[in-house]
Amino acid sequence: MNFYTRKWIKPEDLNPNGSLFGGTLLRWIDEEAVIYAIVQLGNPHVVTKYISEINFVSSAKKGDIIEMGIEAVNFGRTSLTMRCVVRNKITRKIILSIDRLVFVNLDPEGNPTAHNKTEITYAYRD
């Protein structure tokens, strides 16, 4: 799994307990995963279909640097399934894991459409 995106935890990211607000972290993960899907499938019309159980393992505090890892695990006819791990960049302690995030490839009218991908290719457009 590659860890490309990093976030520095700032005061506005915290909940009343002084730790990273889970909703903020989930928003960051959804954004990172959809960007991964768009680049992989070469199509800007991709939506989140499903997110499996979210396992919050530990917390992050103000000043921590976290990193998000996303990995493709399955290609369906119209979907791409990934897994995600978020960890503390310095300590490598796991903060969160998600076994399945499913994204669906859409045509311009918003209908599911085949993407014809079977493996990681990282489609690029000029």
C-alpha atoms as a PDB file:
ATOM      1  CA  MET A   1       0.000   0.000   0.000  1.00  0.00           C
ATOM      2  CA  ASN A   2       1.287   3.440  -0.915  1.00  0.00           C
ATOM      3  CA  PHE A   3       0.855   6.399   1.411  1.00  0.00           C
ATOM      4  CA  TYR A   4       0.839   9.567  -0.688  1.00  0.00           C
ATOM      5  CA  THR A   5      -1.473  12.031   1.033  1.00  0.00           C
ATOM      6  CA  ARG A   6      -0.504  13.595   4.313  1.00  0.00           C
ATOM      7  CA  LYS A   7      -2.468  15.928   6.567  1.00  0.00           C
ATOM      8  CA  TRP A   8      -1.273  18.075   9.439  1.00  0.00           C
ATOM      9  CA  ILE A   9      -3.847  18.069  12.241  1.00  0.00           C
ATOM     10  CA  LYS A  10      -4.816  21.643  13.083  1.00  0.00           C
ATOM     11  CA  PRO A  11      -7.113  23.066  15.809  1.00  0.00           C
ATOM     12  CA  GLU A  12     -10.080  23.335  13.406  1.00  0.00           C
ATOM     13  CA  ASP A  13      -9.854  19.556  12.763  1.00  0.00           C
ATOM     14  CA  LEU A  14     -10.456  18.647  16.415  1.00  0.00           C
ATOM     15  CA  ASN A  15     -13.556  17.470  18.271  1.00  0.00           C
ATOM     16  CA  PRO A  16     -14.466  18.668  21.804  1.00  0.00           C
ATOM     17  CA  ASN A  17     -12.190  15.941  23.240  1.00  0.00           C
ATOM     18  CA  GLY A  18      -9.147  17.459  21.536  1.00  0.00           C
ATOM     19  CA  SER A  19      -8.667  14.623  19.053  1.00  0.00           C
ATOM     20  CA  LEU A  20      -9.226  14.490  15.305  1.00  0.00           C
ATOM     21  CA  PHE A  21     -12.932  14.666  14.446  1.00  0.00           C
ATOM     22  CA  GLY A  22     -13.931  11.393  12.742  1.00  0.00           C
ATOM     23  CA  GLY A  23     -16.167  13.133  10.210  1.00  0.00           C
ATOM     24  CA  THR A  24     -13.277  15.276   9.009  1.00  0.00           C
ATOM     25  CA  LEU A  25     -11.082  12.214   8.578  1.00  0.00           C
ATOM     26  CA  LEU A  26     -13.826  10.392   6.647  1.00  0.00           C
ATOM     27  CA  ARG A  27     -14.256  13.399   4.329  1.00  0.00           C
ATOM     28  CA  TRP A  28     -10.499  13.356   3.617  1.00  0.00           C
ATOM     29  CA  ILE A  29     -10.579   9.604   2.937  1.00  0.00           C
ATOM     30  CA  ASP A  30     -13.575   9.867   0.587  1.00  0.00           C
ATOM     31  CA  GLU A  31     -11.858  12.661  -1.339  1.00  0.00           C
ATOM     32  CA  GLU A  32      -8.563  10.764  -1.563  1.00  0.00           C
ATOM     33  CA  ALA A  33     -10.301   7.557  -2.670  1.00  0.00           C
ATOM     34  CA  VAL A  34     -12.411   9.229  -5.361  1.00  0.00           C
ATOM     35  CA  ILE A  35      -9.310  10.964  -6.767  1.00  0.00           C
ATOM     36  CA  TYR A  36      -7.587   7.564  -6.851  1.00  0.00           C
ATOM     37  CA  ALA A  37     -10.601   6.075  -8.684  1.00  0.00           C
ATOM     38  CA  ILE A  38     -10.806   8.954 -11.174  1.00  0.00           C
ATOM     39  CA  VAL A  39      -7.112   8.665 -12.037  1.00  0.00           C
ATOM     40  CA  GLN A  40      -7.268   4.869 -12.212  1.00  0.00           C
ATOM     41  CA  LEU A  41     -10.398   4.739 -14.373  1.00  0.00           C
ATOM     42  CA  GLY A  42      -9.590   7.819 -16.460  1.00  0.00           C
ATOM     43  CA  ASN A  43     -13.083   9.205 -15.902  1.00  0.00           C
ATOM     44  CA  PRO A  44     -14.127  12.224 -13.787  1.00  0.00           C
ATOM     45  CA  HIS A  45     -17.632  10.730 -13.395  1.00  0.00           C
ATOM     46  CA  VAL A  46     -17.105   8.428 -10.391  1.00  0.00           C
ATOM     47  CA  VAL A  47     -19.213   8.200  -7.219  1.00  0.00           C
ATOM     48  CA  THR A  48     -18.929   6.575  -3.825  1.00  0.00           C
ATOM     49  CA  LYS A  49     -21.238   3.534  -3.674  1.00  0.00           C
ATOM     50  CA  TYR A  50     -20.301   1.825  -0.410  1.00  0.00           C
ATOM     51  CA  ILE A  51     -17.987   2.118   2.575  1.00  0.00           C
ATOM     52  CA  SER A  52     -17.678  -0.938   4.832  1.00  0.00           C
ATOM     53  CA  GLU A  53     -17.149  -0.956   8.573  1.00  0.00           C
ATOM     54  CA  ILE A  54     -14.823   1.807   9.716  1.00  0.00           C
ATOM     55  CA  ASN A  55     -12.395   0.697  12.398  1.00  0.00           C
ATOM     56  CA  PHE A  56     -11.125   3.612  14.486  1.00  0.00           C
ATOM     57  CA  VAL A  57      -8.042   2.108  16.139  1.00  0.00           C
ATOM     58  CA  SER A  58      -6.424   5.153  17.753  1.00  0.00           C
ATOM     59  CA  SER A  59      -6.742   8.928  17.664  1.00  0.00           C
ATOM     60  CA  ALA A  60      -4.730  11.787  16.254  1.00  0.00           C
ATOM     61  CA  LYS A  61      -4.061  15.000  18.166  1.00  0.00           C
ATOM     62  CA  LYS A  62      -3.272  18.591  17.216  1.00  0.00           C
ATOM     63  CA  GLY A  63       0.132  18.770  15.548  1.00  0.00           C
ATOM     64  CA  ASP A  64       0.173  15.132  14.422  1.00  0.00           C
ATOM     65  CA  ILE A  65       0.913  14.369  10.798  1.00  0.00           C
ATOM     66  CA  ILE A  66      -1.186  11.576   9.384  1.00  0.00           C
ATOM     67  CA  GLU A  67      -0.934   9.763   6.072  1.00  0.00           C
ATOM     68  CA  MET A  68      -3.577   7.954   4.068  1.00  0.00           C
ATOM     69  CA  GLY A  69      -2.933   4.756   2.156  1.00  0.00           C
ATOM     70  CA  ILE A  70      -5.319   3.582  -0.566  1.00  0.00           C
ATOM     71  CA  GLU A  71      -5.029   0.310  -2.470  1.00  0.00           C
ATOM     72  CA  ALA A  72      -7.192  -1.208  -5.210  1.00  0.00           C
ATOM     73  CA  VAL A  73      -8.325  -4.713  -4.269  1.00  0.00           C
ATOM     74  CA  ASN A  74     -10.962  -5.588  -6.889  1.00  0.00           C
ATOM     75  CA  PHE A  75     -12.247  -4.481 -10.273  1.00  0.00           C
ATOM     76  CA  GLY A  76     -15.912  -5.089 -11.009  1.00  0.00           C
ATOM     77  CA  ARG A  77     -17.558  -4.425 -14.360  1.00  0.00           C
ATOM     78  CA  THR A  78     -18.532  -0.860 -13.404  1.00  0.00           C
ATOM     79  CA  SER A  79     -16.871  -0.591  -9.981  1.00  0.00           C
ATOM     80  CA  LEU A  80     -13.509  -0.325  -8.290  1.00  0.00           C
ATOM     81  CA  THR A  81     -13.072  -1.579  -4.732  1.00  0.00           C
ATOM     82  CA  MET A  82     -10.274  -0.238  -2.522  1.00  0.00           C
ATOM     83  CA  ARG A  83      -9.075  -0.521   1.027  1.00  0.00           C
ATOM     84  CA  CYS A  84      -7.693   2.260   3.189  1.00  0.00           C
ATOM     85  CA  VAL A  85      -5.347   2.619   6.133  1.00  0.00           C
ATOM     86  CA  VAL A  86      -4.635   5.893   7.919  1.00  0.00           C
ATOM     87  CA  ARG A  87      -1.607   6.054  10.191  1.00  0.00           C
ATOM     88  CA  ASN A  88       0.501   8.507  12.128  1.00  0.00           C
ATOM     89  CA  LYS A  89       3.371   9.514   9.841  1.00  0.00           C
ATOM     90  CA  ILE A  90       5.961   9.650  12.614  1.00  0.00           C
ATOM     91  CA  THR A  91       4.998   6.709  14.857  1.00  0.00           C
ATOM     92  CA  ARG A  92       3.379   4.548  12.105  1.00  0.00           C
ATOM     93  CA  LYS A  93       0.582   3.783  14.582  1.00  0.00           C
ATOM     94  CA  ILE A  94      -2.665   2.864  12.790  1.00  0.00           C
ATOM     95  CA  ILE A  95      -5.438   5.418  13.300  1.00  0.00           C
ATOM     96  CA  LEU A  96      -8.151   3.917  11.111  1.00  0.00           C
ATOM     97  CA  SER A  97      -8.749   1.096   8.649  1.00  0.00           C
ATOM     98  CA  ILE A  98     -11.504   0.459   6.119  1.00  0.00           C
ATOM     99  CA  ASP A  99     -11.620  -2.881   4.316  1.00  0.00           C
ATOM    100  CA  ARG A 100     -13.870  -1.853   1.413  1.00  0.00           C
ATOM    101  CA  LEU A 101     -14.608   1.400  -0.352  1.00  0.00           C
ATOM    102  CA  VAL A 102     -16.563   0.851  -3.566  1.00  0.00           C
ATOM    103  CA  PHE A 103     -16.707   3.466  -6.328  1.00  0.00           C
ATOM    104  CA  VAL A 104     -18.852   3.244  -9.462  1.00  0.00           C
ATOM    105  CA  ASN A 105     -17.854   4.473 -12.905  1.00  0.00           C
ATOM    106  CA  LEU A 106     -20.600   6.608 -14.524  1.00  0.00           C
ATOM    107  CA  ASP A 107     -21.352   7.864 -18.008  1.00  0.00           C
ATOM    108  CA  PRO A 108     -22.001  11.625 -18.468  1.00  0.00           C
ATOM    109  CA  GLU A 109     -25.721  11.075 -17.765  1.00  0.00           C
ATOM    110  CA  GLY A 110     -24.974   9.484 -14.374  1.00  0.00           C
ATOM    111  CA  ASN A 111     -25.593   5.833 -15.292  1.00  0.00           C
ATOM    112  CA  PRO A 112     -23.198   3.045 -14.270  1.00  0.00           C
ATOM    113  CA  THR A 113     -20.983   2.144 -17.189  1.00  0.00           C
ATOM    114  CA  ALA A 114     -18.280  -0.449 -17.762  1.00  0.00           C
ATOM    115  CA  HIS A 115     -14.747   0.813 -17.252  1.00  0.00           C
ATOM    116  CA  ASN A 116     -12.965  -2.118 -18.952  1.00  0.00           C
ATOM    117  CA  LYS A 117     -10.163  -2.168 -16.352  1.00  0.00           C
ATOM    118  CA  THR A 118      -8.852  -5.320 -14.713  1.00  0.00           C
ATOM    119  CA  GLU A 119      -5.680  -4.081 -13.038  1.00  0.00           C
ATOM    120  CA  ILE A 120      -3.895  -0.940 -11.904  1.00  0.00           C
ATOM    121  CA  THR A 121      -2.988   1.135 -14.955  1.00  0.00           C
ATOM    122  CA  TYR A 122      -3.109   4.760 -13.784  1.00  0.00           C
ATOM    123  CA  ALA A 123      -4.822   6.261 -16.813  1.00  0.00           C
ATOM    124  CA  TYR A 124      -3.544   9.733 -17.654  1.00  0.00           C
ATOM    125  CA  ARG A 125      -4.946  12.356 -19.950  1.00  0.00           C
ATOM    126  CA  ASP A 126      -2.908  14.967 -21.768  1.00  0.00           C
END
